[in-house]
Amino acid sequence: MMPRFEFGPLYKFFTSAGLVLIIAAIALPWAILRESSVLLISQQEMDGLTPVAQAVIETKQVQSEGLVHFYPWLSGALLAAGVFLLVYGLIKWSKRQKVVDEKEDNEVLLQRRGLEPLNSDEIDHRRNIEVAESIAAEQEATSEAGSTVDVDKAPASERDTAAGPHSSISTEPVANLMTMSATRSSDVLRHLETRSTYTAVERQLLNKLSAAFSPTHDVAHGVKMSARSDVTADLVALSPENSSEPDYVFELKYFAGAVLIALVLKALSQIRAMTNSMTPANDPTAVVGVAIVVVEEPEAFARLCRLLPEIQRVPARAGPRSGVLPILRSELASLEPRMLRRAVIASLPE
């Protein structure tokens, strides 16, 4: 029975096509030699046939003679093409299988730690929350920076005098609608812009963390506790069995403007909830957590660095170590993975 073509992944198609060509290269000589028996008919047998039968046999003999001379080349070409496609497909399949095996190994490690990957909807929802918190921090810093004069607080007589006797009736509802529409459009644009920036920062940082820890750990992006779906982490780096390296839990925060310390403490709390759940009772050093805070403005970054000792002293239940690592956005691109790993380790309190 001939193998069926696989029309799924391309490497499976190449592999199945290679097998078909190899089988065809083997079957072709057998089929041709089987049909070449017509060449063995003697002249005496030919004389006993009708003229029509003689003409048919002579045509078959001519065709068989040509095939006998040609089939070794065709069979060799089919064999060579089949071997090439088979080897090429198996190489591609092997590379893909390594990725599948690594994914399955990661899933096993996650299950052993009581973790599971976030689905796409959960990742998107989590990202929207992070963006909303970043925008809230920026708005709070703006409102605290100074006060503005609100013309609506002026006396009604002054507003009527300035606007005219009929303007308060005819234009105020339209003006309110225009203001609300502009505000909503501005909020949507700000959310989209902040989300785009946050996504870029998140991807860049997670890729660097993966490069920094993948030589010694199995890295997984976007995970949650199996028992508590509200406890999540941006990235975990899980050490293999019988390794002296601890597991790492990472939470990312991004601030386009001022840094809200409450959100940094929230990230620390999230990390501590996950590390406490992951840590075995007989080894409190097996899991550590780091909140990485990427800050856009140098002044906000400097303020966070000054407050870092106080943040680290926030009381926590006895358990795994957790720290905060501030990073200035402008320095993120040039930060090498090995230096990032050193900075992560240095951010953990003794």
Protein backbone atom coordinates (compact mmCIF):
# COMPACT_ATOMS: atom_id res chain seq x y z
CA MET A 1 0.00 0.00 0.00
CA MET A 2 1.41 3.37 -1.01
CA PRO A 3 1.89 5.96 1.81
CA ARG A 4 -0.57 8.83 1.81
CA PHE A 5 0.57 12.39 1.21
CA GLU A 6 0.54 14.66 4.29
CA PHE A 7 -0.75 18.11 3.34
CA GLY A 8 -0.32 19.65 6.80
CA PRO A 9 3.11 20.99 7.77
CA LEU A 10 5.47 21.32 4.79
CA TYR A 11 8.12 19.04 6.29
CA LYS A 12 5.57 16.21 6.52
CA PHE A 13 4.69 16.72 2.84
CA PHE A 14 8.37 16.52 1.84
CA THR A 15 8.86 13.38 3.93
CA SER A 16 5.82 11.59 2.50
CA ALA A 17 6.70 12.70 -1.06
CA GLY A 18 10.21 11.32 -0.59
CA LEU A 19 8.85 7.96 0.53
CA VAL A 20 6.51 7.81 -2.47
CA LEU A 21 9.36 8.55 -4.91
CA ILE A 22 11.63 5.91 -3.32
CA ILE A 23 8.88 3.29 -3.55
CA ALA A 24 8.22 4.35 -7.15
CA ALA A 25 11.95 4.02 -7.97
CA ILE A 26 11.92 0.44 -6.61
CA ALA A 27 8.61 -0.55 -8.22
CA LEU A 28 9.45 0.86 -11.67
CA PRO A 29 12.06 -1.78 -12.69
CA TRP A 30 9.79 -4.59 -11.52
CA ALA A 31 6.85 -3.23 -13.55
CA ILE A 32 8.96 -2.73 -16.71
CA LEU A 33 10.66 -6.11 -16.50
CA ARG A 34 7.28 -7.72 -16.01
CA GLU A 35 5.99 -6.11 -19.19
CA SER A 36 9.17 -6.94 -21.15
CA SER A 37 8.14 -10.60 -21.38
CA VAL A 38 6.66 -9.61 -24.73
CA LEU A 39 10.23 -9.56 -26.05
CA LEU A 40 10.52 -13.34 -25.46
CA ILE A 41 7.87 -14.31 -28.03
CA SER A 42 9.45 -16.44 -30.72
CA GLN A 43 9.04 -15.94 -34.46
CA GLN A 44 7.19 -19.25 -34.75
CA GLU A 45 4.62 -18.00 -32.21
CA MET A 46 4.32 -14.71 -34.09
CA ASP A 47 3.64 -16.55 -37.37
CA GLY A 48 0.68 -18.29 -35.80
CA LEU A 49 -1.03 -15.02 -34.86
CA THR A 50 -3.33 -12.83 -36.90
CA PRO A 51 -1.88 -9.77 -38.63
CA VAL A 52 -3.59 -7.46 -36.10
CA ALA A 53 -2.13 -9.36 -33.14
CA GLN A 54 1.30 -9.35 -34.76
CA ALA A 55 1.13 -5.56 -35.22
CA VAL A 56 0.13 -5.02 -31.58
CA ILE A 57 2.91 -7.26 -30.25
CA GLU A 58 5.51 -5.61 -32.48
CA THR A 59 4.44 -2.17 -31.14
CA LYS A 60 4.74 -3.43 -27.56
CA GLN A 61 8.16 -4.90 -28.31
CA VAL A 62 9.40 -1.54 -29.63
CA GLN A 63 8.03 0.26 -26.56
CA SER A 64 9.46 -2.31 -24.15
CA GLU A 65 12.86 -2.09 -25.81
CA GLY A 66 12.88 1.69 -25.28
CA LEU A 67 11.79 1.37 -21.65
CA VAL A 68 14.42 -1.24 -20.90
CA HIS A 69 17.12 1.22 -22.03
CA PHE A 70 15.50 4.23 -20.28
CA TYR A 71 14.18 2.94 -16.94
CA PRO A 72 17.55 2.75 -15.10
CA TRP A 73 17.99 6.51 -15.56
CA LEU A 74 14.40 7.26 -14.54
CA SER A 75 14.55 4.94 -11.58
CA GLY A 76 17.83 6.47 -10.43
CA ALA A 77 16.44 9.99 -10.74
CA LEU A 78 13.32 9.06 -8.73
CA LEU A 79 15.48 7.41 -6.08
CA ALA A 80 17.79 10.42 -5.77
CA ALA A 81 14.88 12.87 -5.58
CA GLY A 82 13.10 10.67 -3.03
CA VAL A 83 16.15 10.36 -0.80
CA PHE A 84 16.74 14.12 -0.98
CA LEU A 85 13.12 14.97 -0.06
CA LEU A 86 13.07 12.33 2.68
CA VAL A 87 16.29 13.55 4.30
CA TYR A 88 15.27 17.21 3.97
CA GLY A 89 11.85 16.52 5.46
CA LEU A 90 13.30 14.48 8.34
CA ILE A 91 15.79 17.25 9.18
CA LYS A 92 13.00 19.82 9.27
CA TRP A 93 10.81 17.42 11.21
CA SER A 94 13.61 16.81 13.73
CA LYS A 95 14.06 20.54 14.34
CA ARG A 96 10.34 21.00 14.78
CA GLN A 97 10.14 17.98 17.05
CA LYS A 98 12.76 19.50 19.33
CA VAL A 99 10.53 22.55 19.74
CA VAL A 100 7.52 20.33 20.47
CA ASP A 101 9.55 18.29 22.97
CA GLU A 102 10.76 21.44 24.72
CA LYS A 103 7.19 22.72 24.90
CA GLU A 104 6.00 19.44 26.40
CA ASP A 105 8.90 19.42 28.87
CA ASN A 106 8.01 22.98 29.89
CA GLU A 107 4.40 21.97 30.41
CA VAL A 108 5.50 19.09 32.63
CA LEU A 109 7.73 21.43 34.67
CA LEU A 110 4.88 23.94 34.98
CA GLN A 111 2.52 21.23 36.20
CA ARG A 112 5.04 20.06 38.78
CA ARG A 113 5.30 23.63 40.09
CA GLY A 114 1.52 24.01 40.17
CA LEU A 115 1.51 26.40 37.20
CA GLU A 116 -0.20 26.56 33.83
CA PRO A 117 0.16 28.89 30.81
CA LEU A 118 -2.17 31.83 30.29
CA ASN A 119 -4.38 31.70 27.22
CA SER A 120 -4.42 34.54 24.68
CA ASP A 121 -7.52 36.19 26.19
CA GLU A 122 -5.98 36.17 29.66
CA ILE A 123 -2.73 37.65 28.34
CA ASP A 124 -4.64 40.39 26.51
CA HIS A 125 -6.75 41.17 29.60
CA ARG A 126 -3.64 41.30 31.77
CA ARG A 127 -1.92 43.63 29.32
CA ASN A 128 -4.91 45.99 29.30
CA ILE A 129 -4.78 46.19 33.11
CA GLU A 130 -1.06 47.01 33.02
CA VAL A 131 -1.67 49.73 30.43
CA ALA A 132 -4.55 51.22 32.46
CA GLU A 133 -2.36 51.31 35.58
CA SER A 134 0.46 53.02 33.68
CA ILE A 135 -1.95 55.67 32.35
CA ALA A 136 -3.44 56.14 35.84
CA ALA A 137 0.04 56.72 37.28
CA GLU A 138 0.77 59.31 34.58
CA GLN A 139 -2.56 61.11 35.17
CA GLU A 140 -2.07 61.17 38.93
CA ALA A 141 1.38 62.68 38.50
CA THR A 142 -0.05 65.33 36.17
CA SER A 143 -2.82 66.27 38.61
CA GLU A 144 -0.33 66.57 41.47
CA ALA A 145 2.11 68.68 39.45
CA GLY A 146 -0.09 71.79 39.59
CA SER A 147 -3.60 73.12 39.40
CA THR A 148 -5.47 74.63 36.46
CA VAL A 149 -8.08 77.33 36.32
CA ASP A 150 -11.58 76.06 35.59
CA VAL A 151 -13.63 78.65 33.78
CA ASP A 152 -16.86 76.90 34.78
CA LYS A 153 -16.21 78.00 38.38
CA ALA A 154 -16.51 81.68 37.46
CA PRO A 155 -19.76 83.48 38.43
CA ALA A 156 -22.67 82.88 36.07
CA SER A 157 -23.08 86.58 35.36
CA GLU A 158 -19.49 86.84 34.12
CA ARG A 159 -19.90 83.78 31.86
CA ASP A 160 -23.16 85.16 30.42
CA THR A 161 -21.62 88.59 29.83
CA ALA A 162 -18.64 87.11 28.07
CA ALA A 163 -20.64 84.67 25.96
CA GLY A 164 -23.65 86.82 25.09
CA PRO A 165 -27.30 86.69 26.13
CA HIS A 166 -28.25 83.55 24.19
CA SER A 167 -25.03 81.58 24.07
CA SER A 168 -25.63 79.69 27.33
CA ILE A 169 -28.80 78.23 25.84
CA SER A 170 -27.72 77.48 22.30
CA THR A 171 -24.06 76.40 22.53
CA GLU A 172 -23.48 74.85 25.95
CA PRO A 173 -24.95 71.36 25.17
CA VAL A 174 -23.04 71.20 21.90
CA ALA A 175 -19.84 72.30 23.61
CA ASN A 176 -20.27 69.63 26.29
CA LEU A 177 -20.80 66.93 23.68
CA MET A 178 -17.75 68.08 21.74
CA THR A 179 -15.67 68.09 24.93
CA MET A 180 -16.84 64.59 25.88
CA SER A 181 -16.13 63.29 22.37
CA ALA A 182 -12.67 64.84 22.32
CA THR A 183 -11.92 63.44 25.79
CA ARG A 184 -12.97 59.95 24.78
CA SER A 185 -10.95 60.11 21.56
CA SER A 186 -7.94 61.35 23.52
CA ASP A 187 -8.32 58.51 26.05
CA VAL A 188 -8.56 55.91 23.30
CA LEU A 189 -5.48 57.29 21.53
CA ARG A 190 -3.54 57.42 24.79
CA HIS A 191 -4.52 53.84 25.61
CA LEU A 192 -3.49 52.59 22.16
CA GLU A 193 -0.20 54.49 22.26
CA THR A 194 0.63 53.29 25.78
CA ARG A 195 -0.37 49.73 24.90
CA SER A 196 1.88 49.75 21.84
CA THR A 197 4.81 51.03 23.90
CA TYR A 198 4.13 48.59 26.74
CA THR A 199 3.92 45.66 24.33
CA ALA A 200 7.24 46.63 22.75
CA VAL A 201 8.91 47.00 26.16
CA GLU A 202 7.42 43.73 27.37
CA ARG A 203 8.56 41.80 24.28
CA GLN A 204 12.05 43.29 24.43
CA LEU A 205 12.50 42.61 28.13
CA LEU A 206 11.06 39.10 28.07
CA ASN A 207 13.30 38.19 25.12
CA LYS A 208 16.34 39.42 27.02
CA LEU A 209 15.30 37.51 30.15
CA SER A 210 14.80 34.37 28.06
CA ALA A 211 18.25 34.75 26.53
CA ALA A 212 19.75 35.37 29.98
CA PHE A 213 18.21 32.36 31.73
CA SER A 214 17.52 29.81 28.97
CA PRO A 215 21.05 28.28 29.15
CA THR A 216 20.32 27.03 32.70
CA HIS A 217 16.53 27.23 33.01
CA ASP A 218 13.36 26.36 31.14
CA VAL A 219 11.65 29.67 30.41
CA ALA A 220 7.88 30.14 30.10
CA HIS A 221 6.07 33.40 29.29
CA GLY A 222 2.73 34.26 30.86
CA VAL A 223 1.79 31.76 33.58
CA LYS A 224 -0.70 31.49 36.43
CA MET A 225 -1.19 29.34 39.49
CA SER A 226 -3.35 26.30 38.76
CA ALA A 227 -5.10 26.66 42.11
CA ARG A 228 -5.42 30.48 41.94
CA SER A 229 -5.94 31.88 38.45
CA ASP A 230 -5.68 35.47 39.78
CA VAL A 231 -2.02 34.94 40.74
CA THR A 232 -0.02 35.42 37.54
CA ALA A 233 3.51 36.22 36.37
CA ASP A 234 4.97 37.63 33.17
CA LEU A 235 7.76 35.05 33.05
CA VAL A 236 9.12 32.15 35.06
CA ALA A 237 12.54 30.54 34.69
CA LEU A 238 12.37 27.00 36.06
CA SER A 239 15.52 25.12 36.96
CA PRO A 240 15.79 21.45 35.96
CA GLU A 241 15.70 18.63 38.48
CA ASN A 242 18.76 18.22 40.73
CA SER A 243 19.95 21.76 39.95
CA SER A 244 21.42 24.13 42.49
CA GLU A 245 19.89 27.11 40.68
CA PRO A 246 16.64 28.53 42.08
CA ASP A 247 13.45 29.12 40.12
CA TYR A 248 12.83 32.75 39.13
CA VAL A 249 9.47 34.51 38.97
CA PHE A 250 9.33 37.84 37.11
CA GLU A 251 6.71 40.57 37.07
CA LEU A 252 7.03 43.53 34.69
CA LYS A 253 5.85 47.07 35.37
CA TYR A 254 6.14 49.96 32.92
CA PHE A 255 5.68 53.65 33.75
CA ALA A 256 5.61 56.24 30.99
CA GLY A 257 5.64 59.05 33.56
CA ALA A 258 5.76 59.03 37.34
CA VAL A 259 6.09 55.80 39.28
CA LEU A 260 3.27 54.86 41.62
CA ILE A 261 4.90 53.05 44.53
CA ALA A 262 1.58 51.36 45.30
CA LEU A 263 1.75 49.56 41.95
CA VAL A 264 5.33 48.47 42.61
CA LEU A 265 4.24 47.07 45.97
CA LYS A 266 1.33 45.36 44.22
CA ALA A 267 3.79 43.65 41.87
CA LEU A 268 5.88 42.54 44.85
CA SER A 269 2.77 41.16 46.52
CA GLN A 270 1.86 39.26 43.36
CA ILE A 271 5.35 37.78 43.16
CA ARG A 272 5.36 36.79 46.83
CA ALA A 273 2.01 35.03 46.44
CA MET A 274 3.38 32.92 43.60
CA THR A 275 6.80 32.22 45.11
CA ASN A 276 5.26 31.19 48.43
CA SER A 277 3.01 28.72 46.62
CA MET A 278 5.85 27.32 44.50
CA THR A 279 8.43 26.98 47.28
CA PRO A 280 8.81 23.50 48.80
CA ALA A 281 8.60 23.35 52.59
CA ASN A 282 12.11 21.91 52.96
CA ASP A 283 13.88 24.49 50.76
CA PRO A 284 12.88 28.17 51.17
CA THR A 285 15.66 29.26 48.76
CA ALA A 286 14.32 27.20 45.84
CA VAL A 287 12.27 30.09 44.40
CA VAL A 288 12.99 33.82 44.15
CA GLY A 289 11.00 36.66 42.63
CA VAL A 290 11.91 39.96 40.98
CA ALA A 291 9.67 42.86 39.98
CA ILE A 292 11.31 44.60 37.02
CA VAL A 293 10.18 48.22 36.75
CA VAL A 294 10.91 49.92 33.42
CA VAL A 295 10.70 53.72 33.70
CA GLU A 296 10.56 56.15 30.80
CA GLU A 297 11.59 59.42 32.54
CA PRO A 298 15.02 59.81 34.19
CA GLU A 299 13.60 61.87 37.09
CA ALA A 300 11.04 59.20 37.94
CA PHE A 301 13.76 56.55 37.65
CA ALA A 302 16.02 58.45 40.05
CA ARG A 303 13.16 58.85 42.54
CA LEU A 304 12.41 55.12 42.40
CA CYS A 305 16.08 54.30 43.01
CA ARG A 306 16.07 56.57 46.08
CA LEU A 307 12.97 54.87 47.47
CA LEU A 308 14.18 51.38 46.69
CA PRO A 309 15.62 50.63 50.17
CA GLU A 310 12.30 51.57 51.78
CA ILE A 311 10.34 49.46 49.27
CA GLN A 312 12.56 46.46 49.98
CA ARG A 313 11.91 46.88 53.70
CA VAL A 314 8.14 46.51 53.31
CA PRO A 315 7.16 43.68 55.69
CA ALA A 316 6.45 40.35 54.08
CA ARG A 317 5.67 36.92 55.39
CA ALA A 318 8.63 34.67 55.98
CA GLY A 319 9.36 32.98 52.70
CA PRO A 320 11.34 33.27 49.46
CA ARG A 321 13.41 36.33 48.67
CA SER A 322 11.95 38.97 46.37
CA GLY A 323 13.41 42.17 45.01
CA VAL A 324 12.83 45.14 42.71
CA LEU A 325 15.00 45.92 39.69
CA PRO A 326 14.53 49.41 38.15
CA ILE A 327 15.58 49.86 34.51
CA LEU A 328 15.62 53.08 32.51
CA ARG A 329 13.84 52.58 29.20
CA SER A 330 16.61 54.27 27.20
CA GLU A 331 19.14 51.73 28.55
CA LEU A 332 17.02 48.64 27.92
CA ALA A 333 18.04 48.17 24.27
CA SER A 334 21.78 48.15 25.08
CA LEU A 335 21.41 45.90 28.13
CA GLU A 336 23.08 42.57 27.40
CA PRO A 337 21.39 39.39 28.65
CA ARG A 338 24.33 38.36 30.85
CA MET A 339 24.39 41.81 32.47
CA LEU A 340 20.63 41.60 32.98
CA ARG A 341 21.06 38.27 34.76
CA ARG A 342 23.68 39.78 37.06
CA ALA A 343 21.41 42.73 37.79
CA VAL A 344 18.52 40.38 38.61
CA ILE A 345 20.64 38.42 41.08
CA ALA A 346 22.02 41.64 42.63
CA SER A 347 18.49 43.02 43.16
CA LEU A 348 17.63 40.21 45.57
CA PRO A 349 18.13 41.06 49.25
CA GLU A 350 20.55 38.93 51.21
